[in-house]
Amino acid sequence: MPDLIVAATATAKALAGQVNVARAVGINLDYLRSNPGRALSVAQACVALGDVSSAFALLDGYYFGAGPWAPVSPPAGDPDRQTDALFQPPMAALWRDRRFDRLLARVGLTHYWQQSATRPDYRRANLAV
C-alpha cells in the first residue's frame, strides 16, 4: 500500500506531466484507504489533479459520513472536523462549483456567515470568485 511519499511523488509527477493523472489519483485514494486521517490532504491532491468529483466524494465522507468514503469521517465527529483546508489555494477550483456552495450550507458555514453578516475571504472580489 502506498505511503505518503509515494502518493505525494505520484501527485507531483502527474502535475509535471510525467505520470498519468488517473493513476496518481488512484495512488492517492489507495493511500487514503490506509490513512483515513489524511482525507483533506487527499481531497486537495484530487482537486490539484483536476478530479473534483473524487474530491467531493471524499468531502461527503469526511463531513457527513456518507457514500463510499464514509470511513474517513473523523471518529470523534464534529469536534474533529476541520474546514480550513477548504479555503486553501489547492481547493480554489472548487469554489465556483455549485456543489461547494451546497457543502458549505450543509456544514453550517453559510448560516454562520449570514448570521454574522460577514463575507468569506474566498468570495471577496480580489479573488475573482
N, C-alpha and C. Protein backbone atom coordinates (compact mmCIF):
# COMPACT_ATOMS: atom_id res chain seq x y z
N MET A 1 0.83 -1.18 0.00
CA MET A 1 0.00 0.00 0.00
C MET A 1 0.88 1.25 0.00
N PRO A 2 0.47 2.22 -0.79
CA PRO A 2 1.29 3.43 -0.90
C PRO A 2 1.38 4.21 0.41
N ASP A 3 2.53 4.77 0.64
CA ASP A 3 2.67 5.65 1.80
C ASP A 3 2.64 7.09 1.32
N LEU A 4 2.79 8.00 2.24
CA LEU A 4 2.69 9.42 1.92
C LEU A 4 3.68 9.83 0.84
N ILE A 5 4.89 9.37 0.90
CA ILE A 5 5.91 9.77 -0.07
C ILE A 5 5.54 9.29 -1.47
N VAL A 6 5.02 8.07 -1.56
CA VAL A 6 4.62 7.54 -2.87
C VAL A 6 3.46 8.35 -3.42
N ALA A 7 2.48 8.66 -2.57
CA ALA A 7 1.31 9.42 -3.02
C ALA A 7 1.72 10.84 -3.44
N ALA A 8 2.56 11.48 -2.63
CA ALA A 8 3.00 12.84 -2.95
C ALA A 8 3.84 12.86 -4.22
N THR A 9 4.68 11.87 -4.40
CA THR A 9 5.50 11.79 -5.60
C THR A 9 4.64 11.59 -6.84
N ALA A 10 3.65 10.72 -6.73
CA ALA A 10 2.75 10.49 -7.86
C ALA A 10 2.01 11.77 -8.23
N THR A 11 1.57 12.51 -7.21
CA THR A 11 0.87 13.77 -7.45
C THR A 11 1.79 14.76 -8.16
N ALA A 12 2.99 14.92 -7.65
CA ALA A 12 3.94 15.86 -8.25
C ALA A 12 4.27 15.47 -9.69
N LYS A 13 4.49 14.20 -9.92
CA LYS A 13 4.82 13.75 -11.28
C LYS A 13 3.65 13.94 -12.23
N ALA A 14 2.43 13.72 -11.74
CA ALA A 14 1.26 13.93 -12.59
C ALA A 14 1.10 15.41 -12.93
N LEU A 15 1.34 16.27 -11.95
CA LEU A 15 1.26 17.71 -12.20
C LEU A 15 2.31 18.17 -13.20
N ALA A 16 3.43 17.46 -13.22
CA ALA A 16 4.51 17.78 -14.16
C ALA A 16 4.35 17.07 -15.50
N GLY A 17 3.28 16.29 -15.64
CA GLY A 17 3.03 15.58 -16.88
C GLY A 17 3.83 14.32 -17.07
N GLN A 18 4.43 13.81 -16.00
CA GLN A 18 5.27 12.62 -16.10
C GLN A 18 4.55 11.33 -15.74
N VAL A 19 3.36 11.45 -15.14
CA VAL A 19 2.57 10.29 -14.73
C VAL A 19 1.13 10.57 -15.11
N ASN A 20 0.42 9.54 -15.49
CA ASN A 20 -0.99 9.66 -15.81
C ASN A 20 -1.77 10.16 -14.60
N VAL A 21 -2.62 11.17 -14.81
CA VAL A 21 -3.37 11.78 -13.72
C VAL A 21 -4.26 10.76 -13.02
N ALA A 22 -4.97 9.95 -13.79
CA ALA A 22 -5.86 8.95 -13.18
C ALA A 22 -5.07 7.99 -12.30
N ARG A 23 -3.89 7.63 -12.71
CA ARG A 23 -3.03 6.75 -11.90
C ARG A 23 -2.64 7.44 -10.60
N ALA A 24 -2.28 8.71 -10.69
CA ALA A 24 -1.90 9.46 -9.49
C ALA A 24 -3.08 9.59 -8.53
N VAL A 25 -4.26 9.86 -9.05
CA VAL A 25 -5.45 9.91 -8.18
C VAL A 25 -5.65 8.56 -7.51
N GLY A 26 -5.52 7.49 -8.27
CA GLY A 26 -5.67 6.14 -7.72
C GLY A 26 -4.68 5.85 -6.60
N ILE A 27 -3.46 6.27 -6.78
CA ILE A 27 -2.44 6.08 -5.74
C ILE A 27 -2.82 6.86 -4.49
N ASN A 28 -3.30 8.08 -4.66
CA ASN A 28 -3.73 8.88 -3.52
C ASN A 28 -4.90 8.22 -2.80
N LEU A 29 -5.86 7.71 -3.55
CA LEU A 29 -7.02 7.06 -2.93
C LEU A 29 -6.61 5.77 -2.22
N ASP A 30 -5.67 5.04 -2.80
CA ASP A 30 -5.14 3.84 -2.12
C ASP A 30 -4.47 4.22 -0.80
N TYR A 31 -3.72 5.30 -0.84
CA TYR A 31 -3.07 5.80 0.38
C TYR A 31 -4.12 6.14 1.44
N LEU A 32 -5.20 6.79 1.01
CA LEU A 32 -6.24 7.20 1.95
C LEU A 32 -6.92 6.00 2.61
N ARG A 33 -7.07 4.92 1.91
CA ARG A 33 -7.70 3.73 2.48
C ARG A 33 -6.97 3.25 3.73
N SER A 34 -5.67 3.42 3.75
CA SER A 34 -4.86 3.02 4.90
C SER A 34 -4.62 4.16 5.88
N ASN A 35 -4.95 5.37 5.47
CA ASN A 35 -4.68 6.56 6.28
C ASN A 35 -5.89 7.50 6.24
N PRO A 36 -7.01 7.09 6.82
CA PRO A 36 -8.24 7.88 6.72
C PRO A 36 -8.13 9.29 7.31
N GLY A 37 -7.19 9.51 8.17
CA GLY A 37 -6.99 10.83 8.76
C GLY A 37 -6.42 11.84 7.78
N ARG A 38 -6.06 11.40 6.61
CA ARG A 38 -5.47 12.30 5.59
C ARG A 38 -6.49 12.69 4.52
N ALA A 39 -7.78 12.58 4.84
CA ALA A 39 -8.83 12.83 3.85
C ALA A 39 -8.73 14.21 3.21
N LEU A 40 -8.51 15.23 4.01
CA LEU A 40 -8.47 16.58 3.44
C LEU A 40 -7.25 16.79 2.54
N SER A 41 -6.14 16.20 2.90
CA SER A 41 -4.94 16.31 2.07
C SER A 41 -5.15 15.59 0.73
N VAL A 42 -5.77 14.43 0.79
CA VAL A 42 -6.02 13.69 -0.45
C VAL A 42 -7.07 14.42 -1.29
N ALA A 43 -8.06 15.01 -0.66
CA ALA A 43 -9.04 15.80 -1.41
C ALA A 43 -8.34 16.96 -2.12
N GLN A 44 -7.41 17.62 -1.44
CA GLN A 44 -6.66 18.70 -2.07
C GLN A 44 -5.85 18.18 -3.26
N ALA A 45 -5.25 17.01 -3.11
CA ALA A 45 -4.48 16.43 -4.22
C ALA A 45 -5.40 16.13 -5.40
N CYS A 46 -6.58 15.59 -5.12
CA CYS A 46 -7.53 15.29 -6.19
C CYS A 46 -7.93 16.56 -6.94
N VAL A 47 -8.18 17.64 -6.20
CA VAL A 47 -8.54 18.91 -6.84
C VAL A 47 -7.37 19.41 -7.69
N ALA A 48 -6.18 19.37 -7.13
CA ALA A 48 -5.00 19.83 -7.87
C ALA A 48 -4.81 19.03 -9.16
N LEU A 49 -5.20 17.77 -9.12
CA LEU A 49 -5.07 16.90 -10.29
C LEU A 49 -6.26 17.01 -11.23
N GLY A 50 -7.25 17.83 -10.86
CA GLY A 50 -8.39 18.04 -11.73
C GLY A 50 -9.55 17.08 -11.52
N ASP A 51 -9.49 16.25 -10.50
CA ASP A 51 -10.56 15.29 -10.23
C ASP A 51 -11.45 15.81 -9.09
N VAL A 52 -12.28 16.79 -9.43
CA VAL A 52 -13.12 17.39 -8.39
C VAL A 52 -14.23 16.44 -7.93
N SER A 53 -14.66 15.53 -8.79
CA SER A 53 -15.70 14.58 -8.38
C SER A 53 -15.20 13.68 -7.25
N SER A 54 -13.98 13.20 -7.37
CA SER A 54 -13.41 12.40 -6.27
C SER A 54 -13.26 13.24 -5.01
N ALA A 55 -12.86 14.49 -5.18
CA ALA A 55 -12.71 15.37 -4.02
C ALA A 55 -14.05 15.55 -3.31
N PHE A 56 -15.10 15.79 -4.06
CA PHE A 56 -16.41 15.96 -3.42
C PHE A 56 -16.88 14.67 -2.75
N ALA A 57 -16.59 13.54 -3.34
CA ALA A 57 -16.95 12.27 -2.71
C ALA A 57 -16.21 12.10 -1.39
N LEU A 58 -14.93 12.47 -1.37
CA LEU A 58 -14.15 12.41 -0.13
C LEU A 58 -14.72 13.37 0.92
N LEU A 59 -15.09 14.55 0.49
CA LEU A 59 -15.63 15.54 1.42
C LEU A 59 -16.98 15.10 1.98
N ASP A 60 -17.79 14.44 1.17
CA ASP A 60 -19.05 13.89 1.68
C ASP A 60 -18.78 12.84 2.75
N GLY A 61 -17.79 12.02 2.53
CA GLY A 61 -17.43 11.03 3.54
C GLY A 61 -16.88 11.67 4.80
N TYR A 62 -16.00 12.64 4.63
CA TYR A 62 -15.36 13.30 5.76
C TYR A 62 -16.36 14.08 6.61
N TYR A 63 -17.16 14.92 5.98
CA TYR A 63 -18.06 15.80 6.74
C TYR A 63 -19.36 15.14 7.17
N PHE A 64 -19.87 14.21 6.36
CA PHE A 64 -21.21 13.69 6.62
C PHE A 64 -21.27 12.17 6.83
N GLY A 65 -20.12 11.51 6.74
CA GLY A 65 -20.11 10.05 6.90
C GLY A 65 -20.96 9.38 5.84
N ALA A 66 -20.96 9.94 4.64
CA ALA A 66 -21.83 9.45 3.57
C ALA A 66 -21.02 8.92 2.39
N GLY A 67 -21.61 7.99 1.67
CA GLY A 67 -21.02 7.48 0.44
C GLY A 67 -19.87 6.53 0.67
N PRO A 68 -19.16 6.25 -0.41
CA PRO A 68 -18.09 5.25 -0.33
C PRO A 68 -16.92 5.65 0.57
N TRP A 69 -16.79 6.93 0.84
CA TRP A 69 -15.69 7.40 1.69
C TRP A 69 -16.14 7.70 3.12
N ALA A 70 -17.26 7.17 3.53
CA ALA A 70 -17.74 7.35 4.90
C ALA A 70 -16.70 6.95 5.95
N PRO A 71 -15.88 5.93 5.69
CA PRO A 71 -14.88 5.56 6.70
C PRO A 71 -13.85 6.64 7.03
N VAL A 72 -13.74 7.68 6.21
CA VAL A 72 -12.76 8.74 6.52
C VAL A 72 -13.34 9.79 7.46
N SER A 73 -14.58 9.65 7.83
CA SER A 73 -15.20 10.58 8.77
C SER A 73 -14.47 10.49 10.12
N PRO A 74 -14.12 11.62 10.71
CA PRO A 74 -13.38 11.59 11.98
C PRO A 74 -14.14 10.82 13.07
N PRO A 75 -13.44 9.97 13.81
CA PRO A 75 -14.09 9.14 14.84
C PRO A 75 -14.83 9.94 15.91
N ALA A 76 -14.34 11.13 16.25
CA ALA A 76 -14.98 11.92 17.30
C ALA A 76 -16.11 12.80 16.76
N GLY A 77 -16.36 12.72 15.47
CA GLY A 77 -17.44 13.50 14.88
C GLY A 77 -17.09 14.96 14.68
N ASP A 78 -18.08 15.82 14.82
CA ASP A 78 -17.91 17.24 14.52
C ASP A 78 -16.73 17.92 15.20
N PRO A 79 -16.44 17.64 16.47
CA PRO A 79 -15.30 18.33 17.09
C PRO A 79 -13.97 18.12 16.37
N ASP A 80 -13.86 17.01 15.64
CA ASP A 80 -12.62 16.73 14.92
C ASP A 80 -12.64 17.16 13.46
N ARG A 81 -13.77 17.59 12.97
CA ARG A 81 -13.86 18.01 11.57
C ARG A 81 -13.32 19.43 11.43
N GLN A 82 -12.49 19.60 10.42
CA GLN A 82 -11.88 20.90 10.16
C GLN A 82 -12.38 21.44 8.83
N THR A 83 -12.47 22.74 8.71
CA THR A 83 -12.91 23.34 7.46
C THR A 83 -11.85 24.23 6.81
N ASP A 84 -10.78 24.53 7.52
CA ASP A 84 -9.79 25.45 6.97
C ASP A 84 -9.19 24.96 5.65
N ALA A 85 -9.05 23.67 5.47
CA ALA A 85 -8.46 23.14 4.23
C ALA A 85 -9.31 23.47 3.01
N LEU A 86 -10.59 23.69 3.21
CA LEU A 86 -11.48 24.02 2.09
C LEU A 86 -11.13 25.37 1.46
N PHE A 87 -10.47 26.22 2.21
CA PHE A 87 -10.22 27.59 1.75
C PHE A 87 -8.75 27.85 1.45
N GLN A 88 -7.98 26.80 1.35
CA GLN A 88 -6.58 26.92 0.99
C GLN A 88 -6.45 26.85 -0.54
N PRO A 89 -5.42 27.45 -1.10
CA PRO A 89 -5.28 27.55 -2.56
C PRO A 89 -5.49 26.25 -3.35
N PRO A 90 -5.06 25.08 -2.87
CA PRO A 90 -5.30 23.89 -3.69
C PRO A 90 -6.78 23.61 -3.96
N MET A 91 -7.68 24.18 -3.15
CA MET A 91 -9.11 23.92 -3.31
C MET A 91 -9.81 24.98 -4.16
N ALA A 92 -9.09 25.95 -4.66
CA ALA A 92 -9.71 27.06 -5.39
C ALA A 92 -10.58 26.61 -6.55
N ALA A 93 -10.24 25.52 -7.19
CA ALA A 93 -11.05 25.04 -8.31
C ALA A 93 -12.46 24.62 -7.88
N LEU A 94 -12.66 24.38 -6.61
CA LEU A 94 -13.99 24.00 -6.11
C LEU A 94 -14.87 25.21 -5.84
N TRP A 95 -14.30 26.34 -5.61
CA TRP A 95 -15.04 27.50 -5.10
C TRP A 95 -16.15 27.97 -6.01
N ARG A 96 -16.06 27.73 -7.29
CA ARG A 96 -17.10 28.16 -8.24
C ARG A 96 -18.10 27.04 -8.54
N ASP A 97 -17.88 25.91 -8.00
CA ASP A 97 -18.75 24.74 -8.25
C ASP A 97 -19.96 24.82 -7.31
N ARG A 98 -21.14 24.62 -7.83
CA ARG A 98 -22.35 24.67 -7.00
C ARG A 98 -22.32 23.64 -5.87
N ARG A 99 -21.64 22.55 -6.10
CA ARG A 99 -21.53 21.54 -5.04
C ARG A 99 -20.80 22.09 -3.83
N PHE A 100 -19.87 23.01 -4.05
CA PHE A 100 -19.15 23.63 -2.94
C PHE A 100 -20.09 24.47 -2.09
N ASP A 101 -20.95 25.23 -2.74
CA ASP A 101 -21.94 26.02 -2.00
C ASP A 101 -22.87 25.12 -1.19
N ARG A 102 -23.28 24.01 -1.77
CA ARG A 102 -24.15 23.07 -1.04
C ARG A 102 -23.40 22.46 0.15
N LEU A 103 -22.14 22.14 -0.05
CA LEU A 103 -21.32 21.59 1.03
C LEU A 103 -21.23 22.58 2.18
N LEU A 104 -20.95 23.83 1.87
CA LEU A 104 -20.82 24.85 2.91
C LEU A 104 -22.14 25.05 3.65
N ALA A 105 -23.23 24.97 2.94
CA ALA A 105 -24.54 25.10 3.59
C ALA A 105 -24.78 23.92 4.53
N ARG A 106 -24.48 22.72 4.09
CA ARG A 106 -24.67 21.54 4.93
C ARG A 106 -23.77 21.55 6.16
N VAL A 107 -22.55 22.04 5.99
CA VAL A 107 -21.62 22.10 7.11
C VAL A 107 -22.05 23.17 8.12
N GLY A 108 -22.76 24.18 7.65
CA GLY A 108 -23.25 25.24 8.53
C GLY A 108 -22.53 26.55 8.38
N LEU A 109 -21.55 26.61 7.50
CA LEU A 109 -20.79 27.85 7.34
C LEU A 109 -21.62 28.95 6.69
N THR A 110 -22.45 28.60 5.74
CA THR A 110 -23.29 29.61 5.09
C THR A 110 -24.18 30.30 6.11
N HIS A 111 -24.78 29.53 6.97
CA HIS A 111 -25.64 30.08 8.02
C HIS A 111 -24.83 30.99 8.95
N TYR A 112 -23.66 30.53 9.32
CA TYR A 112 -22.79 31.33 10.20
C TYR A 112 -22.47 32.68 9.56
N TRP A 113 -22.09 32.66 8.27
CA TRP A 113 -21.74 33.91 7.60
C TRP A 113 -22.95 34.83 7.50
N GLN A 114 -24.12 34.27 7.25
CA GLN A 114 -25.32 35.09 7.19
C GLN A 114 -25.62 35.72 8.54
N GLN A 115 -25.54 34.92 9.59
CA GLN A 115 -25.83 35.43 10.93
C GLN A 115 -24.82 36.47 11.39
N SER A 116 -23.59 36.32 11.01
CA SER A 116 -22.55 37.26 11.44
C SER A 116 -22.35 38.40 10.46
N ALA A 117 -23.13 38.39 9.38
CA ALA A 117 -23.04 39.43 8.35
C ALA A 117 -21.61 39.60 7.83
N THR A 118 -20.97 38.48 7.59
CA THR A 118 -19.60 38.52 7.05
C THR A 118 -19.57 37.87 5.67
N ARG A 119 -18.60 38.26 4.91
CA ARG A 119 -18.38 37.67 3.60
C ARG A 119 -17.08 36.88 3.69
N PRO A 120 -17.13 35.61 3.36
CA PRO A 120 -15.90 34.80 3.47
C PRO A 120 -14.81 35.29 2.52
N ASP A 121 -13.59 35.16 2.95
CA ASP A 121 -12.45 35.62 2.16
C ASP A 121 -12.45 35.05 0.74
N TYR A 122 -12.81 33.78 0.61
CA TYR A 122 -12.72 33.16 -0.72
C TYR A 122 -13.73 33.77 -1.70
N ARG A 123 -14.71 34.52 -1.21
CA ARG A 123 -15.72 35.16 -2.05
C ARG A 123 -15.44 36.64 -2.32
N ARG A 124 -14.36 37.14 -1.81
CA ARG A 124 -14.04 38.56 -1.99
C ARG A 124 -13.65 38.84 -3.44
N ALA A 125 -13.91 40.04 -3.87
CA ALA A 125 -13.70 40.43 -5.26
C ALA A 125 -12.27 40.23 -5.73
N ASN A 126 -11.31 40.47 -4.86
CA ASN A 126 -9.91 40.35 -5.29
C ASN A 126 -9.51 38.90 -5.58
N LEU A 127 -10.37 37.94 -5.21
CA LEU A 127 -10.08 36.54 -5.52
C LEU A 127 -10.83 36.10 -6.77
N ALA A 128 -11.61 37.01 -7.36
CA ALA A 128 -12.33 36.75 -8.60
C ALA A 128 -13.26 35.55 -8.51
N VAL A 129 -13.90 35.37 -7.37
CA VAL A 129 -14.86 34.28 -7.21
C VAL A 129 -16.18 34.87 -6.79
